[in-house]
Amino acid sequence: EHVFTTVVGYAFLNELRNTAVIRGKIPPERLPVIPV
């Protein structure tokens, strides 16, 4: 939904991505990249 467009939002998305990969055991290939 392109919710975030600033560095604050991008940092939060990166945090979510890391949590999903590490704790959720979701392969990084299955997650979409952060569009800048």
PDB file of all heavy atoms in Angstrom:
ATOM      1  N   GLU A   1       0.809  -1.218   0.000  1.00  0.00           N
ATOM      2  CA  GLU A   1       0.000   0.000   0.000  1.00  0.00           C
ATOM      3  C   GLU A   1       0.849   1.280   0.000  1.00  0.00           C
ATOM      4  O   GLU A   1       0.302   2.380   0.071  1.00  0.00           O
ATOM      5  CB  GLU A   1      -0.947   0.004   1.205  1.00  0.00           C
ATOM      6  CG  GLU A   1      -1.992  -1.090   1.112  1.00  0.00           C
ATOM      7  CD  GLU A   1      -2.984  -1.041   2.262  1.00  0.00           C
ATOM      8  OE1 GLU A   1      -2.939  -0.098   3.078  1.00  0.00           O
ATOM      9  OE2 GLU A   1      -3.815  -1.947   2.331  1.00  0.00           O
ATOM     10  N   HIS A   2       2.173   1.140  -0.041  1.00  0.00           N
ATOM     11  CA  HIS A   2       3.088   2.288  -0.065  1.00  0.00           C
ATOM     12  C   HIS A   2       2.763   3.263   1.062  1.00  0.00           C
ATOM     13  O   HIS A   2       2.606   4.468   0.852  1.00  0.00           O
ATOM     14  CB  HIS A   2       3.037   3.013  -1.409  1.00  0.00           C
ATOM     15  CG  HIS A   2       3.356   2.116  -2.566  1.00  0.00           C
ATOM     16  ND1 HIS A   2       4.630   1.668  -2.818  1.00  0.00           N
ATOM     17  CD2 HIS A   2       2.561   1.549  -3.519  1.00  0.00           C
ATOM     18  CE1 HIS A   2       4.612   0.893  -3.890  1.00  0.00           C
ATOM     19  NE2 HIS A   2       3.374   0.791  -4.326  1.00  0.00           N
ATOM     20  N   VAL A   3       2.678   2.723   2.267  1.00  0.00           N
ATOM     21  CA  VAL A   3       2.304   3.519   3.433  1.00  0.00           C
ATOM     22  C   VAL A   3       3.408   4.503   3.814  1.00  0.00           C
ATOM     23  O   VAL A   3       3.130   5.626   4.215  1.00  0.00           O
ATOM     24  CB  VAL A   3       1.975   2.587   4.624  1.00  0.00           C
ATOM     25  CG1 VAL A   3       1.705   3.384   5.885  1.00  0.00           C
ATOM     26  CG2 VAL A   3       0.776   1.710   4.287  1.00  0.00           C
ATOM     27  N   PHE A   4       4.670   4.090   3.671  1.00  0.00           N
ATOM     28  CA  PHE A   4       5.778   4.910   4.155  1.00  0.00           C
ATOM     29  C   PHE A   4       6.592   5.475   2.997  1.00  0.00           C
ATOM     30  O   PHE A   4       6.872   4.777   2.029  1.00  0.00           O
ATOM     31  CB  PHE A   4       6.668   4.081   5.081  1.00  0.00           C
ATOM     32  CG  PHE A   4       5.918   3.533   6.268  1.00  0.00           C
ATOM     33  CD1 PHE A   4       5.636   2.184   6.364  1.00  0.00           C
ATOM     34  CD2 PHE A   4       5.485   4.376   7.272  1.00  0.00           C
ATOM     35  CE1 PHE A   4       4.944   1.679   7.442  1.00  0.00           C
ATOM     36  CE2 PHE A   4       4.790   3.881   8.357  1.00  0.00           C
ATOM     37  CZ  PHE A   4       4.520   2.529   8.449  1.00  0.00           C
ATOM     38  N   THR A   5       6.975   6.762   3.146  1.00  0.00           N
ATOM     39  CA  THR A   5       7.749   7.423   2.090  1.00  0.00           C
ATOM     40  C   THR A   5       8.939   8.201   2.639  1.00  0.00           C
ATOM     41  O   THR A   5       9.604   8.899   1.883  1.00  0.00           O
ATOM     42  CB  THR A   5       6.851   8.397   1.297  1.00  0.00           C
ATOM     43  OG1 THR A   5       6.318   9.354   2.198  1.00  0.00           O
ATOM     44  CG2 THR A   5       5.737   7.665   0.575  1.00  0.00           C
ATOM     45  N   THR A   6       9.177   8.143   3.945  1.00  0.00           N
ATOM     46  CA  THR A   6      10.322   8.848   4.519  1.00  0.00           C
ATOM     47  C   THR A   6      11.263   7.843   5.170  1.00  0.00           C
ATOM     48  O   THR A   6      10.926   6.675   5.334  1.00  0.00           O
ATOM     49  CB  THR A   6       9.891   9.882   5.578  1.00  0.00           C
ATOM     50  OG1 THR A   6       9.353   9.188   6.708  1.00  0.00           O
ATOM     51  CG2 THR A   6       8.892  10.870   5.029  1.00  0.00           C
ATOM     52  N   VAL A   7      12.415   8.323   5.576  1.00  0.00           N
ATOM     53  CA  VAL A   7      13.422   7.473   6.186  1.00  0.00           C
ATOM     54  C   VAL A   7      12.902   6.850   7.482  1.00  0.00           C
ATOM     55  O   VAL A   7      13.274   5.723   7.826  1.00  0.00           O
ATOM     56  CB  VAL A   7      14.735   8.263   6.400  1.00  0.00           C
ATOM     57  CG1 VAL A   7      14.556   9.326   7.447  1.00  0.00           C
ATOM     58  CG2 VAL A   7      15.883   7.358   6.734  1.00  0.00           C
ATOM     59  N   VAL A   8      12.012   7.527   8.178  1.00  0.00           N
ATOM     60  CA  VAL A   8      11.428   6.994   9.413  1.00  0.00           C
ATOM     61  C   VAL A   8      10.614   5.739   9.092  1.00  0.00           C
ATOM     62  O   VAL A   8      10.747   4.704   9.755  1.00  0.00           O
ATOM     63  CB  VAL A   8      10.546   8.062  10.104  1.00  0.00           C
ATOM     64  CG1 VAL A   8       9.819   7.480  11.290  1.00  0.00           C
ATOM     65  CG2 VAL A   8      11.380   9.258  10.517  1.00  0.00           C
ATOM     66  N   GLY A   9       9.798   5.819   8.061  1.00  0.00           N
ATOM     67  CA  GLY A   9       8.993   4.668   7.645  1.00  0.00           C
ATOM     68  C   GLY A   9       9.840   3.534   7.095  1.00  0.00           C
ATOM     69  O   GLY A   9       9.583   2.360   7.359  1.00  0.00           O
ATOM     70  N   TYR A  10      10.876   3.901   6.321  1.00  0.00           N
ATOM     71  CA  TYR A  10      11.756   2.873   5.754  1.00  0.00           C
ATOM     72  C   TYR A  10      12.489   2.119   6.856  1.00  0.00           C
ATOM     73  O   TYR A  10      12.658   0.896   6.790  1.00  0.00           O
ATOM     74  CB  TYR A  10      12.755   3.488   4.783  1.00  0.00           C
ATOM     75  CG  TYR A  10      12.110   4.097   3.549  1.00  0.00           C
ATOM     76  CD1 TYR A  10      12.640   5.230   2.954  1.00  0.00           C
ATOM     77  CD2 TYR A  10      10.975   3.542   2.982  1.00  0.00           C
ATOM     78  CE1 TYR A  10      12.065   5.797   1.825  1.00  0.00           C
ATOM     79  CE2 TYR A  10      10.392   4.094   1.864  1.00  0.00           C
ATOM     80  CZ  TYR A  10      10.933   5.220   1.285  1.00  0.00           C
ATOM     81  OH  TYR A  10      10.358   5.774   0.177  1.00  0.00           O
ATOM     82  N   ALA A  11      12.905   2.816   7.894  1.00  0.00           N
ATOM     83  CA  ALA A  11      13.584   2.157   9.016  1.00  0.00           C
ATOM     84  C   ALA A  11      12.627   1.191   9.709  1.00  0.00           C
ATOM     85  O   ALA A  11      13.019   0.076  10.082  1.00  0.00           O
ATOM     86  CB  ALA A  11      14.107   3.201  10.002  1.00  0.00           C
ATOM     87  N   PHE A  12      11.376   1.599   9.871  1.00  0.00           N
ATOM     88  CA  PHE A  12      10.372   0.721  10.486  1.00  0.00           C
ATOM     89  C   PHE A  12      10.125  -0.506   9.620  1.00  0.00           C
ATOM     90  O   PHE A  12      10.030  -1.628  10.122  1.00  0.00           O
ATOM     91  CB  PHE A  12       9.076   1.505  10.711  1.00  0.00           C
ATOM     92  CG  PHE A  12       7.959   0.674  11.269  1.00  0.00           C
ATOM     93  CD1 PHE A  12       8.025   0.157  12.553  1.00  0.00           C
ATOM     94  CD2 PHE A  12       6.828   0.415  10.506  1.00  0.00           C
ATOM     95  CE1 PHE A  12       6.985  -0.609  13.065  1.00  0.00           C
ATOM     96  CE2 PHE A  12       5.791  -0.349  11.012  1.00  0.00           C
ATOM     97  CZ  PHE A  12       5.868  -0.860  12.290  1.00  0.00           C
ATOM     98  N   LEU A  13      10.022  -0.300   8.291  1.00  0.00           N
ATOM     99  CA  LEU A  13       9.833  -1.443   7.393  1.00  0.00           C
ATOM    100  C   LEU A  13      11.011  -2.407   7.474  1.00  0.00           C
ATOM    101  O   LEU A  13      10.828  -3.632   7.467  1.00  0.00           O
ATOM    102  CB  LEU A  13       9.643  -0.960   5.952  1.00  0.00           C
ATOM    103  CG  LEU A  13       8.306  -0.303   5.631  1.00  0.00           C
ATOM    104  CD1 LEU A  13       8.308   0.233   4.201  1.00  0.00           C
ATOM    105  CD2 LEU A  13       7.158  -1.272   5.826  1.00  0.00           C
ATOM    106  N   ASN A  14      12.211  -1.868   7.556  1.00  0.00           N
ATOM    107  CA  ASN A  14      13.395  -2.712   7.669  1.00  0.00           C
ATOM    108  C   ASN A  14      13.356  -3.518   8.974  1.00  0.00           C
ATOM    109  O   ASN A  14      13.697  -4.696   9.005  1.00  0.00           O
ATOM    110  CB  ASN A  14      14.663  -1.856   7.593  1.00  0.00           C
ATOM    111  CG  ASN A  14      15.889  -2.693   7.364  1.00  0.00           C
ATOM    112  OD1 ASN A  14      15.856  -3.667   6.616  1.00  0.00           O
ATOM    113  ND2 ASN A  14      16.972  -2.334   8.031  1.00  0.00           N
ATOM    114  N   GLU A  15      12.918  -2.869  10.039  1.00  0.00           N
ATOM    115  CA  GLU A  15      12.778  -3.559  11.334  1.00  0.00           C
ATOM    116  C   GLU A  15      11.758  -4.695  11.224  1.00  0.00           C
ATOM    117  O   GLU A  15      11.996  -5.811  11.702  1.00  0.00           O
ATOM    118  CB  GLU A  15      12.340  -2.546  12.395  1.00  0.00           C
ATOM    119  CG  GLU A  15      12.080  -3.131  13.760  1.00  0.00           C
ATOM    120  CD  GLU A  15      11.486  -2.096  14.725  1.00  0.00           C
ATOM    121  OE1 GLU A  15      11.764  -0.902  14.573  1.00  0.00           O
ATOM    122  OE2 GLU A  15      10.738  -2.524  15.624  1.00  0.00           O
ATOM    123  N   LEU A  16      10.622  -4.427  10.582  1.00  0.00           N
ATOM    124  CA  LEU A  16       9.601  -5.465  10.388  1.00  0.00           C
ATOM    125  C   LEU A  16      10.144  -6.623   9.555  1.00  0.00           C
ATOM    126  O   LEU A  16       9.896  -7.795   9.862  1.00  0.00           O
ATOM    127  CB  LEU A  16       8.362  -4.879   9.716  1.00  0.00           C
ATOM    128  CG  LEU A  16       7.477  -3.954  10.523  1.00  0.00           C
ATOM    129  CD1 LEU A  16       6.345  -3.415   9.654  1.00  0.00           C
ATOM    130  CD2 LEU A  16       6.908  -4.666  11.736  1.00  0.00           C
ATOM    131  N   ARG A  17      10.866  -6.282   8.509  1.00  0.00           N
ATOM    132  CA  ARG A  17      11.431  -7.311   7.620  1.00  0.00           C
ATOM    133  C   ARG A  17      12.394  -8.206   8.402  1.00  0.00           C
ATOM    134  O   ARG A  17      12.327  -9.435   8.300  1.00  0.00           O
ATOM    135  CB  ARG A  17      12.144  -6.653   6.435  1.00  0.00           C
ATOM    136  CG  ARG A  17      12.712  -7.632   5.438  1.00  0.00           C
ATOM    137  CD  ARG A  17      13.407  -6.884   4.299  1.00  0.00           C
ATOM    138  NE  ARG A  17      13.943  -7.801   3.331  1.00  0.00           N
ATOM    139  CZ  ARG A  17      13.283  -8.291   2.297  1.00  0.00           C
ATOM    140  NH1 ARG A  17      12.040  -7.920   2.087  1.00  0.00           N
ATOM    141  NH2 ARG A  17      13.848  -9.131   1.469  1.00  0.00           N
ATOM    142  N   ASN A  18      13.283  -7.608   9.190  1.00  0.00           N
ATOM    143  CA  ASN A  18      14.228  -8.394   9.982  1.00  0.00           C
ATOM    144  C   ASN A  18      13.502  -9.292  10.987  1.00  0.00           C
ATOM    145  O   ASN A  18      13.869 -10.451  11.173  1.00  0.00           O
ATOM    146  CB  ASN A  18      15.224  -7.480  10.700  1.00  0.00           C
ATOM    147  CG  ASN A  18      16.178  -6.820   9.734  1.00  0.00           C
ATOM    148  OD1 ASN A  18      16.396  -7.305   8.620  1.00  0.00           O
ATOM    149  ND2 ASN A  18      16.735  -5.683  10.136  1.00  0.00           N
ATOM    150  N   THR A  19      12.462  -8.761  11.635  1.00  0.00           N
ATOM    151  CA  THR A  19      11.696  -9.565  12.592  1.00  0.00           C
ATOM    152  C   THR A  19      11.006 -10.725  11.891  1.00  0.00           C
ATOM    153  O   THR A  19      10.996 -11.854  12.399  1.00  0.00           O
ATOM    154  CB  THR A  19      10.645  -8.687  13.309  1.00  0.00           C
ATOM    155  OG1 THR A  19      11.304  -7.594  13.932  1.00  0.00           O
ATOM    156  CG2 THR A  19       9.877  -9.481  14.343  1.00  0.00           C
ATOM    157  N   ALA A  20      10.443 -10.479  10.705  1.00  0.00           N
ATOM    158  CA  ALA A  20       9.760 -11.535   9.959  1.00  0.00           C
ATOM    159  C   ALA A  20      10.736 -12.630   9.539  1.00  0.00           C
ATOM    160  O   ALA A  20      10.417 -13.814   9.593  1.00  0.00           O
ATOM    161  CB  ALA A  20       9.058 -10.945   8.736  1.00  0.00           C
ATOM    162  N   VAL A  21      11.940 -12.243   9.134  1.00  0.00           N
ATOM    163  CA  VAL A  21      12.939 -13.228   8.682  1.00  0.00           C
ATOM    164  C   VAL A  21      13.501 -14.002   9.871  1.00  0.00           C
ATOM    165  O   VAL A  21      13.589 -15.236   9.835  1.00  0.00           O
ATOM    166  CB  VAL A  21      14.067 -12.523   7.891  1.00  0.00           C
ATOM    167  CG1 VAL A  21      15.226 -13.481   7.624  1.00  0.00           C
ATOM    168  CG2 VAL A  21      13.525 -11.975   6.579  1.00  0.00           C
ATOM    169  N   ILE A  22      13.858 -13.304  10.942  1.00  0.00           N
ATOM    170  CA  ILE A  22      14.521 -13.956  12.075  1.00  0.00           C
ATOM    171  C   ILE A  22      13.523 -14.729  12.944  1.00  0.00           C
ATOM    172  O   ILE A  22      13.705 -15.917  13.199  1.00  0.00           O
ATOM    173  CB  ILE A  22      15.292 -12.920  12.928  1.00  0.00           C
ATOM    174  CG1 ILE A  22      16.436 -12.331  12.097  1.00  0.00           C
ATOM    175  CG2 ILE A  22      15.820 -13.542  14.208  1.00  0.00           C
ATOM    176  CD1 ILE A  22      17.097 -11.118  12.735  1.00  0.00           C
ATOM    177  N   ARG A  23      12.469 -14.084  13.384  1.00  0.00           N
ATOM    178  CA  ARG A  23      11.535 -14.730  14.313  1.00  0.00           C
ATOM    179  C   ARG A  23      10.432 -15.510  13.604  1.00  0.00           C
ATOM    180  O   ARG A  23       9.926 -16.477  14.140  1.00  0.00           O
ATOM    181  CB  ARG A  23      10.903 -13.693  15.229  1.00  0.00           C
ATOM    182  CG  ARG A  23      11.894 -13.085  16.170  1.00  0.00           C
ATOM    183  CD  ARG A  23      11.203 -12.196  17.146  1.00  0.00           C
ATOM    184  NE  ARG A  23      12.197 -11.603  18.041  1.00  0.00           N
ATOM    185  CZ  ARG A  23      11.926 -11.136  19.222  1.00  0.00           C
ATOM    186  NH1 ARG A  23      10.702 -11.170  19.666  1.00  0.00           N
ATOM    187  NH2 ARG A  23      12.874 -10.622  19.972  1.00  0.00           N
ATOM    188  N   GLY A  24      10.026 -15.035  12.432  1.00  0.00           N
ATOM    189  CA  GLY A  24       8.940 -15.690  11.720  1.00  0.00           C
ATOM    190  C   GLY A  24       9.409 -16.781  10.782  1.00  0.00           C
ATOM    191  O   GLY A  24       8.607 -17.481  10.173  1.00  0.00           O
ATOM    192  N   LYS A  25      10.725 -16.902  10.636  1.00  0.00           N
ATOM    193  CA  LYS A  25      11.327 -17.926   9.765  1.00  0.00           C
ATOM    194  C   LYS A  25      10.777 -17.810   8.336  1.00  0.00           C
ATOM    195  O   LYS A  25      10.575 -18.802   7.651  1.00  0.00           O
ATOM    196  CB  LYS A  25      11.063 -19.337  10.304  1.00  0.00           C
ATOM    197  CG  LYS A  25      11.472 -19.555  11.746  1.00  0.00           C
ATOM    198  CD  LYS A  25      12.956 -19.721  11.872  1.00  0.00           C
ATOM    199  CE  LYS A  25      13.318 -20.185  13.274  1.00  0.00           C
ATOM    200  NZ  LYS A  25      14.125 -19.275  13.990  1.00  0.00           N
ATOM    201  N   ILE A  26      10.512 -16.572   7.909  1.00  0.00           N
ATOM    202  CA  ILE A  26      10.041 -16.339   6.539  1.00  0.00           C
ATOM    203  C   ILE A  26      11.273 -16.095   5.676  1.00  0.00           C
ATOM    204  O   ILE A  26      12.085 -15.220   5.981  1.00  0.00           O
ATOM    205  CB  ILE A  26       9.087 -15.125   6.478  1.00  0.00           C
ATOM    206  CG1 ILE A  26       7.860 -15.368   7.363  1.00  0.00           C
ATOM    207  CG2 ILE A  26       8.666 -14.834   5.045  1.00  0.00           C
ATOM    208  CD1 ILE A  26       6.951 -14.166   7.497  1.00  0.00           C
ATOM    209  N   PRO A  27      11.421 -16.840   4.590  1.00  0.00           N
ATOM    210  CA  PRO A  27      12.589 -16.623   3.723  1.00  0.00           C
ATOM    211  C   PRO A  27      12.554 -15.217   3.125  1.00  0.00           C
ATOM    212  O   PRO A  27      11.499 -14.743   2.696  1.00  0.00           O
ATOM    213  CB  PRO A  27      12.439 -17.680   2.626  1.00  0.00           C
ATOM    214  CG  PRO A  27      11.413 -18.634   3.110  1.00  0.00           C
ATOM    215  CD  PRO A  27      10.585 -17.944   4.137  1.00  0.00           C
ATOM    216  N   PRO A  28      13.694 -14.542   3.079  1.00  0.00           N
ATOM    217  CA  PRO A  28      13.727 -13.173   2.553  1.00  0.00           C
ATOM    218  C   PRO A  28      13.238 -13.079   1.110  1.00  0.00           C
ATOM    219  O   PRO A  28      12.720 -12.043   0.700  1.00  0.00           O
ATOM    220  CB  PRO A  28      15.203 -12.771   2.653  1.00  0.00           C
ATOM    221  CG  PRO A  28      15.839 -13.744   3.571  1.00  0.00           C
ATOM    222  CD  PRO A  28      14.993 -14.973   3.575  1.00  0.00           C
ATOM    223  N   GLU A  29      13.377 -14.155   0.344  1.00  0.00           N
ATOM    224  CA  GLU A  29      12.933 -14.140  -1.055  1.00  0.00           C
ATOM    225  C   GLU A  29      11.413 -14.025  -1.169  1.00  0.00           C
ATOM    226  O   GLU A  29      10.894 -13.568  -2.188  1.00  0.00           O
ATOM    227  CB  GLU A  29      13.370 -15.428  -1.794  1.00  0.00           C
ATOM    228  CG  GLU A  29      14.850 -15.755  -1.716  1.00  0.00           C
ATOM    229  CD  GLU A  29      15.225 -16.481  -0.417  1.00  0.00           C
ATOM    230  OE1 GLU A  29      14.546 -17.444  -0.029  1.00  0.00           O
ATOM    231  OE2 GLU A  29      16.211 -16.059   0.206  1.00  0.00           O
ATOM    232  N   ARG A  30      10.697 -14.470  -0.152  1.00  0.00           N
ATOM    233  CA  ARG A  30       9.230 -14.424  -0.189  1.00  0.00           C
ATOM    234  C   ARG A  30       8.688 -13.047   0.180  1.00  0.00           C
ATOM    235  O   ARG A  30       7.516 -12.760  -0.064  1.00  0.00           O
ATOM    236  CB  ARG A  30       8.657 -15.470   0.772  1.00  0.00           C
ATOM    237  CG  ARG A  30       8.892 -16.884   0.268  1.00  0.00           C
ATOM    238  CD  ARG A  30       8.164 -17.937   1.059  1.00  0.00           C
ATOM    239  NE  ARG A  30       6.745 -17.614   1.211  1.00  0.00           N
ATOM    240  CZ  ARG A  30       6.027 -17.995   2.266  1.00  0.00           C
ATOM    241  NH1 ARG A  30       6.575 -18.665   3.248  1.00  0.00           N
ATOM    242  NH2 ARG A  30       4.754 -17.704   2.339  1.00  0.00           N
ATOM    243  N   LEU A  31       9.512 -12.209   0.772  1.00  0.00           N
ATOM    244  CA  LEU A  31       9.070 -10.872   1.165  1.00  0.00           C
ATOM    245  C   LEU A  31       9.387  -9.869   0.055  1.00  0.00           C
ATOM    246  O   LEU A  31      10.460  -9.915  -0.535  1.00  0.00           O
ATOM    247  CB  LEU A  31       9.785 -10.440   2.452  1.00  0.00           C
ATOM    248  CG  LEU A  31       9.447 -11.248   3.702  1.00  0.00           C
ATOM    249  CD1 LEU A  31      10.351 -10.825   4.851  1.00  0.00           C
ATOM    250  CD2 LEU A  31       7.999 -11.064   4.095  1.00  0.00           C
ATOM    251  N   PRO A  32       8.441  -8.948  -0.218  1.00  0.00           N
ATOM    252  CA  PRO A  32       8.718  -7.932  -1.244  1.00  0.00           C
ATOM    253  C   PRO A  32       9.791  -6.961  -0.752  1.00  0.00           C
ATOM    254  O   PRO A  32       9.975  -6.765   0.447  1.00  0.00           O
ATOM    255  CB  PRO A  32       7.373  -7.219  -1.418  1.00  0.00           C
ATOM    256  CG  PRO A  32       6.620  -7.469  -0.162  1.00  0.00           C
ATOM    257  CD  PRO A  32       7.100  -8.795   0.364  1.00  0.00           C
ATOM    258  N   VAL A  33      10.482  -6.370  -1.705  1.00  0.00           N
ATOM    259  CA  VAL A  33      11.509  -5.387  -1.350  1.00  0.00           C
ATOM    260  C   VAL A  33      10.846  -4.069  -0.989  1.00  0.00           C
ATOM    261  O   VAL A  33       9.716  -3.796  -1.377  1.00  0.00           O
ATOM    262  CB  VAL A  33      12.521  -5.182  -2.509  1.00  0.00           C
ATOM    263  CG1 VAL A  33      13.308  -6.447  -2.753  1.00  0.00           C
ATOM    264  CG2 VAL A  33      11.822  -4.719  -3.757  1.00  0.00           C
ATOM    265  N   ILE A  34      11.563  -3.233  -0.267  1.00  0.00           N
ATOM    266  CA  ILE A  34      11.041  -1.928   0.141  1.00  0.00           C
ATOM    267  C   ILE A  34      11.189  -0.964  -1.027  1.00  0.00           C
ATOM    268  O   ILE A  34      12.303  -0.675  -1.456  1.00  0.00           O
ATOM    269  CB  ILE A  34      11.793  -1.393   1.375  1.00  0.00           C
ATOM    270  CG1 ILE A  34      11.645  -2.360   2.545  1.00  0.00           C
ATOM    271  CG2 ILE A  34      11.294   0.003   1.742  1.00  0.00           C
ATOM    272  CD1 ILE A  34      12.515  -2.020   3.742  1.00  0.00           C
ATOM    273  N   PRO A  35      10.070  -0.470  -1.581  1.00  0.00           N
ATOM    274  CA  PRO A  35      10.163   0.451  -2.721  1.00  0.00           C
ATOM    275  C   PRO A  35      10.506   1.872  -2.256  1.00  0.00           C
ATOM    276  O   PRO A  35       9.815   2.451  -1.439  1.00  0.00           O
ATOM    277  CB  PRO A  35       8.761   0.405  -3.327  1.00  0.00           C
ATOM    278  CG  PRO A  35       7.872   0.064  -2.173  1.00  0.00           C
ATOM    279  CD  PRO A  35       8.689  -0.789  -1.240  1.00  0.00           C
ATOM    280  N   VAL A  36      11.579   2.400  -2.770  1.00  0.00           N
ATOM    281  CA  VAL A  36      11.981   3.773  -2.472  1.00  0.00           C
ATOM    282  C   VAL A  36      11.763   4.568  -3.750  1.00  0.00           C
ATOM    283  O   VAL A  36      12.481   4.407  -4.714  1.00  0.00           O
ATOM    284  CB  VAL A  36      13.452   3.841  -2.022  1.00  0.00           C
ATOM    285  CG1 VAL A  36      13.857   5.282  -1.765  1.00  0.00           C
ATOM    286  CG2 VAL A  36      13.674   2.978  -0.797  1.00  0.00           C
TER     287      VAL A  36
END
